[in-house]
PDB file of all heavy atoms in Angstrom:
ATOM      1  N   ASP A   1     -10.533  -8.560   3.860  1.00  0.00           N
ATOM      2  CA  ASP A   1      -9.156  -8.914   4.225  1.00  0.00           C
ATOM      3  C   ASP A   1      -8.451  -9.593   3.055  1.00  0.00           C
ATOM      4  O   ASP A   1      -7.357  -9.185   2.650  1.00  0.00           O
ATOM      5  CB  ASP A   1      -9.184  -9.848   5.441  1.00  0.00           C
ATOM      6  CG  ASP A   1      -7.792 -10.096   6.024  1.00  0.00           C
ATOM      7  OD1 ASP A   1      -6.857 -10.358   5.249  1.00  0.00           O
ATOM      8  OD2 ASP A   1      -7.653 -10.049   7.259  1.00  0.00           O
ATOM      9  N   TYR A   2      -9.076 -10.608   2.474  1.00  0.00           N
ATOM     10  CA  TYR A   2      -8.433 -11.400   1.420  1.00  0.00           C
ATOM     11  C   TYR A   2      -8.257 -10.605   0.136  1.00  0.00           C
ATOM     12  O   TYR A   2      -7.246 -10.731  -0.546  1.00  0.00           O
ATOM     13  CB  TYR A   2      -9.246 -12.659   1.138  1.00  0.00           C
ATOM     14  CG  TYR A   2      -8.551 -13.611   0.189  1.00  0.00           C
ATOM     15  CD1 TYR A   2      -7.639 -14.545   0.666  1.00  0.00           C
ATOM     16  CD2 TYR A   2      -8.784 -13.553  -1.179  1.00  0.00           C
ATOM     17  CE1 TYR A   2      -6.975 -15.406  -0.197  1.00  0.00           C
ATOM     18  CE2 TYR A   2      -8.126 -14.406  -2.059  1.00  0.00           C
ATOM     19  CZ  TYR A   2      -7.230 -15.336  -1.558  1.00  0.00           C
ATOM     20  OH  TYR A   2      -6.566 -16.174  -2.422  1.00  0.00           O
ATOM     21  N   HIS A   3      -9.255  -9.787  -0.193  1.00  0.00           N
ATOM     22  CA  HIS A   3      -9.219  -9.037  -1.456  1.00  0.00           C
ATOM     23  C   HIS A   3      -8.695  -7.615  -1.275  1.00  0.00           C
ATOM     24  O   HIS A   3      -9.105  -6.690  -1.999  1.00  0.00           O
ATOM     25  CB  HIS A   3     -10.606  -9.037  -2.107  1.00  0.00           C
ATOM     26  CG  HIS A   3     -11.040 -10.398  -2.566  1.00  0.00           C
ATOM     27  ND1 HIS A   3     -10.580 -10.966  -3.718  1.00  0.00           N
ATOM     28  CD2 HIS A   3     -11.869 -11.307  -1.997  1.00  0.00           C
ATOM     29  CE1 HIS A   3     -11.114 -12.168  -3.869  1.00  0.00           C
ATOM     30  NE2 HIS A   3     -11.888 -12.404  -2.837  1.00  0.00           N
ATOM     31  N   GLU A   4      -7.786  -7.478  -0.329  1.00  0.00           N
ATOM     32  CA  GLU A   4      -7.024  -6.238  -0.175  1.00  0.00           C
ATOM     33  C   GLU A   4      -7.883  -4.980  -0.057  1.00  0.00           C
ATOM     34  O   GLU A   4      -7.743  -4.027  -0.819  1.00  0.00           O
ATOM     35  CB  GLU A   4      -6.033  -6.074  -1.340  1.00  0.00           C
ATOM     36  CG  GLU A   4      -5.100  -7.245  -1.546  1.00  0.00           C
ATOM     37  CD  GLU A   4      -4.102  -7.409  -0.399  1.00  0.00           C
ATOM     38  OE1 GLU A   4      -3.859  -6.411   0.302  1.00  0.00           O
ATOM     39  OE2 GLU A   4      -3.605  -8.530  -0.221  1.00  0.00           O
ATOM     40  N   GLY A   5      -8.791  -4.993   0.902  1.00  0.00           N
ATOM     41  CA  GLY A   5      -9.541  -3.778   1.197  1.00  0.00           C
ATOM     42  C   GLY A   5     -10.812  -3.564   0.413  1.00  0.00           C
ATOM     43  O   GLY A   5     -11.289  -2.425   0.310  1.00  0.00           O
ATOM     44  N   PHE A   6     -11.392  -4.634  -0.172  1.00  0.00           N
ATOM     45  CA  PHE A   6     -12.669  -4.496  -0.887  1.00  0.00           C
ATOM     46  C   PHE A   6     -13.779  -4.417   0.160  1.00  0.00           C
ATOM     47  O   PHE A   6     -14.260  -5.413   0.670  1.00  0.00           O
ATOM     48  CB  PHE A   6     -12.896  -5.675  -1.827  1.00  0.00           C
ATOM     49  CG  PHE A   6     -14.084  -5.505  -2.728  1.00  0.00           C
ATOM     50  CD1 PHE A   6     -13.979  -4.816  -3.931  1.00  0.00           C
ATOM     51  CD2 PHE A   6     -15.329  -6.023  -2.371  1.00  0.00           C
ATOM     52  CE1 PHE A   6     -15.085  -4.649  -4.767  1.00  0.00           C
ATOM     53  CE2 PHE A   6     -16.430  -5.865  -3.203  1.00  0.00           C
ATOM     54  CZ  PHE A   6     -16.308  -5.174  -4.392  1.00  0.00           C
ATOM     55  N   LYS A   7     -14.196  -3.194   0.474  1.00  0.00           N
ATOM     56  CA  LYS A   7     -15.120  -2.925   1.576  1.00  0.00           C
ATOM     57  C   LYS A   7     -16.576  -3.260   1.212  1.00  0.00           C
ATOM     58  O   LYS A   7     -16.917  -3.338   0.024  1.00  0.00           O
ATOM     59  CB  LYS A   7     -15.008  -1.463   1.997  1.00  0.00           C
ATOM     60  CG  LYS A   7     -13.614  -1.053   2.456  1.00  0.00           C
ATOM     61  CD  LYS A   7     -13.567   0.390   2.910  1.00  0.00           C
ATOM     62  CE  LYS A   7     -13.755   1.350   1.738  1.00  0.00           C
ATOM     63  NZ  LYS A   7     -12.678   1.255   0.750  1.00  0.00           N
ATOM     64  N   PRO A   8     -17.447  -3.416   2.203  1.00  0.00           N
ATOM     65  CA  PRO A   8     -18.866  -3.682   1.947  1.00  0.00           C
ATOM     66  C   PRO A   8     -19.542  -2.598   1.111  1.00  0.00           C
ATOM     67  O   PRO A   8     -20.551  -2.850   0.459  1.00  0.00           O
ATOM     68  CB  PRO A   8     -19.473  -3.750   3.354  1.00  0.00           C
ATOM     69  CG  PRO A   8     -18.346  -4.170   4.226  1.00  0.00           C
ATOM     70  CD  PRO A   8     -17.134  -3.507   3.648  1.00  0.00           C
ATOM     71  N   THR A   9     -18.975  -1.412   1.119  1.00  0.00           N
ATOM     72  CA  THR A   9     -19.549  -0.304   0.341  1.00  0.00           C
ATOM     73  C   THR A   9     -19.034  -0.272  -1.094  1.00  0.00           C
ATOM     74  O   THR A   9     -19.535   0.473  -1.926  1.00  0.00           O
ATOM     75  CB  THR A   9     -19.219   1.039   1.017  1.00  0.00           C
ATOM     76  OG1 THR A   9     -17.810   1.118   1.244  1.00  0.00           O
ATOM     77  CG2 THR A   9     -19.954   1.159   2.351  1.00  0.00           C
ATOM     78  N   ASP A  10     -18.013  -1.070  -1.389  1.00  0.00           N
ATOM     79  CA  ASP A  10     -17.455  -1.113  -2.745  1.00  0.00           C
ATOM     80  C   ASP A  10     -18.338  -1.950  -3.659  1.00  0.00           C
ATOM     81  O   ASP A  10     -19.098  -2.806  -3.204  1.00  0.00           O
ATOM     82  CB  ASP A  10     -16.044  -1.698  -2.729  1.00  0.00           C
ATOM     83  CG  ASP A  10     -15.047  -0.784  -2.046  1.00  0.00           C
ATOM     84  OD1 ASP A  10     -15.313   0.434  -2.022  1.00  0.00           O
ATOM     85  OD2 ASP A  10     -14.032  -1.283  -1.533  1.00  0.00           O
ATOM     86  N   LYS A  11     -18.218  -1.712  -4.958  1.00  0.00           N
ATOM     87  CA  LYS A  11     -19.022  -2.442  -5.932  1.00  0.00           C
ATOM     88  C   LYS A  11     -18.149  -2.941  -7.069  1.00  0.00           C
ATOM     89  O   LYS A  11     -17.361  -2.184  -7.642  1.00  0.00           O
ATOM     90  CB  LYS A  11     -20.135  -1.554  -6.485  1.00  0.00           C
ATOM     91  CG  LYS A  11     -21.132  -2.298  -7.355  1.00  0.00           C
ATOM     92  CD  LYS A  11     -22.282  -1.393  -7.770  1.00  0.00           C
ATOM     93  CE  LYS A  11     -23.300  -2.154  -8.624  1.00  0.00           C
ATOM     94  NZ  LYS A  11     -24.424  -1.288  -9.038  1.00  0.00           N
ATOM     95  N   HIS A  12     -18.281  -4.211  -7.399  1.00  0.00           N
ATOM     96  CA  HIS A  12     -17.492  -4.801  -8.476  1.00  0.00           C
ATOM     97  C   HIS A  12     -17.939  -4.216  -9.820  1.00  0.00           C
ATOM     98  O   HIS A  12     -19.138  -4.051 -10.068  1.00  0.00           O
ATOM     99  CB  HIS A  12     -17.687  -6.317  -8.480  1.00  0.00           C
ATOM    100  CG  HIS A  12     -16.813  -7.035  -9.459  1.00  0.00           C
ATOM    101  ND1 HIS A  12     -15.460  -7.159  -9.295  1.00  0.00           N
ATOM    102  CD2 HIS A  12     -17.107  -7.640 -10.639  1.00  0.00           C
ATOM    103  CE1 HIS A  12     -14.958  -7.821 -10.314  1.00  0.00           C
ATOM    104  NE2 HIS A  12     -15.930  -8.117 -11.154  1.00  0.00           N
ATOM    105  N   PRO A  13     -17.005  -3.912 -10.718  1.00  0.00           N
ATOM    106  CA  PRO A  13     -17.361  -3.311 -12.016  1.00  0.00           C
ATOM    107  C   PRO A  13     -18.046  -4.310 -12.949  1.00  0.00           C
ATOM    108  O   PRO A  13     -17.956  -5.525 -12.739  1.00  0.00           O
ATOM    109  CB  PRO A  13     -16.007  -2.878 -12.582  1.00  0.00           C
ATOM    110  CG  PRO A  13     -15.026  -3.800 -11.935  1.00  0.00           C
ATOM    111  CD  PRO A  13     -15.546  -4.033 -10.549  1.00  0.00           C
ATOM    112  N   PRO A  14     -18.708  -3.835 -13.984  1.00  0.00           N
ATOM    113  CA  PRO A  14     -19.367  -4.719 -14.965  1.00  0.00           C
ATOM    114  C   PRO A  14     -18.343  -5.593 -15.682  1.00  0.00           C
ATOM    115  O   PRO A  14     -17.154  -5.269 -15.743  1.00  0.00           O
ATOM    116  CB  PRO A  14     -20.030  -3.734 -15.941  1.00  0.00           C
ATOM    117  CG  PRO A  14     -20.134  -2.446 -15.195  1.00  0.00           C
ATOM    118  CD  PRO A  14     -18.964  -2.413 -14.277  1.00  0.00           C
ATOM    119  N   THR A  15     -18.821  -6.698 -16.248  1.00  0.00           N
ATOM    120  CA  THR A  15     -17.942  -7.617 -16.975  1.00  0.00           C
ATOM    121  C   THR A  15     -17.298  -6.940 -18.172  1.00  0.00           C
ATOM    122  O   THR A  15     -17.961  -6.254 -18.951  1.00  0.00           O
ATOM    123  CB  THR A  15     -18.740  -8.844 -17.460  1.00  0.00           C
ATOM    124  OG1 THR A  15     -19.305  -9.502 -16.335  1.00  0.00           O
ATOM    125  CG2 THR A  15     -17.845  -9.814 -18.211  1.00  0.00           C
ATOM    126  N   ASP A  16     -15.992  -7.107 -18.323  1.00  0.00           N
ATOM    127  CA  ASP A  16     -15.268  -6.537 -19.451  1.00  0.00           C
ATOM    128  C   ASP A  16     -13.980  -7.322 -19.646  1.00  0.00           C
ATOM    129  O   ASP A  16     -13.024  -7.175 -18.890  1.00  0.00           O
ATOM    130  CB  ASP A  16     -14.956  -5.065 -19.194  1.00  0.00           C
ATOM    131  CG  ASP A  16     -14.171  -4.422 -20.336  1.00  0.00           C
ATOM    132  OD1 ASP A  16     -14.064  -5.067 -21.410  1.00  0.00           O
ATOM    133  OD2 ASP A  16     -13.656  -3.311 -20.157  1.00  0.00           O
ATOM    134  N   PHE A  17     -13.947  -8.192 -20.670  1.00  0.00           N
ATOM    135  CA  PHE A  17     -12.756  -8.990 -20.935  1.00  0.00           C
ATOM    136  C   PHE A  17     -11.720  -8.216 -21.748  1.00  0.00           C
ATOM    137  O   PHE A  17     -10.628  -8.712 -22.005  1.00  0.00           O
ATOM    138  CB  PHE A  17     -13.130 -10.289 -21.654  1.00  0.00           C
ATOM    139  CG  PHE A  17     -13.764 -11.300 -20.741  1.00  0.00           C
ATOM    140  CD1 PHE A  17     -15.134 -11.467 -20.704  1.00  0.00           C
ATOM    141  CD2 PHE A  17     -12.972 -12.086 -19.912  1.00  0.00           C
ATOM    142  CE1 PHE A  17     -15.710 -12.395 -19.849  1.00  0.00           C
ATOM    143  CE2 PHE A  17     -13.544 -13.021 -19.053  1.00  0.00           C
ATOM    144  CZ  PHE A  17     -14.917 -13.181 -19.020  1.00  0.00           C
ATOM    145  N   GLY A  18     -12.066  -7.006 -22.170  1.00  0.00           N
ATOM    146  CA  GLY A  18     -11.109  -6.122 -22.813  1.00  0.00           C
ATOM    147  C   GLY A  18     -10.627  -6.584 -24.172  1.00  0.00           C
ATOM    148  O   GLY A  18     -11.138  -7.535 -24.759  1.00  0.00           O
ATOM    149  N   ASP A  19      -9.615  -5.922 -24.656  1.00  0.00           N
ATOM    150  CA  ASP A  19      -9.022  -6.219 -25.960  1.00  0.00           C
ATOM    151  C   ASP A  19      -7.758  -7.047 -25.742  1.00  0.00           C
ATOM    152  O   ASP A  19      -6.737  -6.534 -25.268  1.00  0.00           O
ATOM    153  CB  ASP A  19      -8.686  -4.915 -26.689  1.00  0.00           C
ATOM    154  CG  ASP A  19      -8.058  -5.160 -28.057  1.00  0.00           C
ATOM    155  OD1 ASP A  19      -7.962  -6.337 -28.474  1.00  0.00           O
ATOM    156  OD2 ASP A  19      -7.653  -4.173 -28.697  1.00  0.00           O
ATOM    157  N   ILE A  20      -7.802  -8.327 -26.082  1.00  0.00           N
ATOM    158  CA  ILE A  20      -6.658  -9.201 -25.823  1.00  0.00           C
ATOM    159  C   ILE A  20      -5.429  -8.808 -26.650  1.00  0.00           C
ATOM    160  O   ILE A  20      -4.312  -9.187 -26.314  1.00  0.00           O
ATOM    161  CB  ILE A  20      -7.006 -10.678 -26.095  1.00  0.00           C
ATOM    162  CG1 ILE A  20      -7.379 -10.883 -27.571  1.00  0.00           C
ATOM    163  CG2 ILE A  20      -8.122 -11.148 -25.198  1.00  0.00           C
ATOM    164  CD1 ILE A  20      -7.520 -12.339 -27.939  1.00  0.00           C
ATOM    165  N   ASN A  21      -5.636  -8.041 -27.698  1.00  0.00           N
ATOM    166  CA  ASN A  21      -4.500  -7.616 -28.528  1.00  0.00           C
ATOM    167  C   ASN A  21      -3.594  -6.627 -27.804  1.00  0.00           C
ATOM    168  O   ASN A  21      -2.470  -6.366 -28.241  1.00  0.00           O
ATOM    169  CB  ASN A  21      -5.009  -7.003 -29.834  1.00  0.00           C
ATOM    170  CG  ASN A  21      -5.700  -8.034 -30.709  1.00  0.00           C
ATOM    171  OD1 ASN A  21      -5.219  -9.158 -30.843  1.00  0.00           O
ATOM    172  ND2 ASN A  21      -6.826  -7.661 -31.286  1.00  0.00           N
ATOM    173  N   THR A  22      -4.086  -6.071 -26.707  1.00  0.00           N
ATOM    174  CA  THR A  22      -3.265  -5.121 -25.952  1.00  0.00           C
ATOM    175  C   THR A  22      -2.365  -5.845 -24.947  1.00  0.00           C
ATOM    176  O   THR A  22      -1.503  -5.221 -24.329  1.00  0.00           O
ATOM    177  CB  THR A  22      -4.154  -4.127 -25.191  1.00  0.00           C
ATOM    178  OG1 THR A  22      -4.970  -4.841 -24.242  1.00  0.00           O
ATOM    179  CG2 THR A  22      -5.043  -3.345 -26.149  1.00  0.00           C
ATOM    180  N   LEU A  23      -2.576  -7.156 -24.785  1.00  0.00           N
ATOM    181  CA  LEU A  23      -1.753  -7.933 -23.867  1.00  0.00           C
ATOM    182  C   LEU A  23      -0.480  -8.395 -24.570  1.00  0.00           C
ATOM    183  O   LEU A  23      -0.481  -8.643 -25.772  1.00  0.00           O
ATOM    184  CB  LEU A  23      -2.531  -9.152 -23.346  1.00  0.00           C
ATOM    185  CG  LEU A  23      -3.849  -8.832 -22.615  1.00  0.00           C
ATOM    186  CD1 LEU A  23      -4.548 -10.112 -22.221  1.00  0.00           C
ATOM    187  CD2 LEU A  23      -3.586  -7.967 -21.389  1.00  0.00           C
ATOM    188  N   VAL A  24       0.591  -8.519 -23.826  1.00  0.00           N
ATOM    189  CA  VAL A  24       1.875  -8.883 -24.434  1.00  0.00           C
ATOM    190  C   VAL A  24       2.399 -10.196 -23.863  1.00  0.00           C
ATOM    191  O   VAL A  24       1.952 -10.660 -22.811  1.00  0.00           O
ATOM    192  CB  VAL A  24       2.934  -7.785 -24.186  1.00  0.00           C
ATOM    193  CG1 VAL A  24       2.468  -6.462 -24.780  1.00  0.00           C
ATOM    194  CG2 VAL A  24       3.216  -7.624 -22.684  1.00  0.00           C
TER     195      VAL A  24
END
């Protein structure tokens, strides 16, 4: 409910902080 439809069958993706240079 709180996380907008994250069902028991869903799986959180691996950690990835990405490339901060792409943020504006």
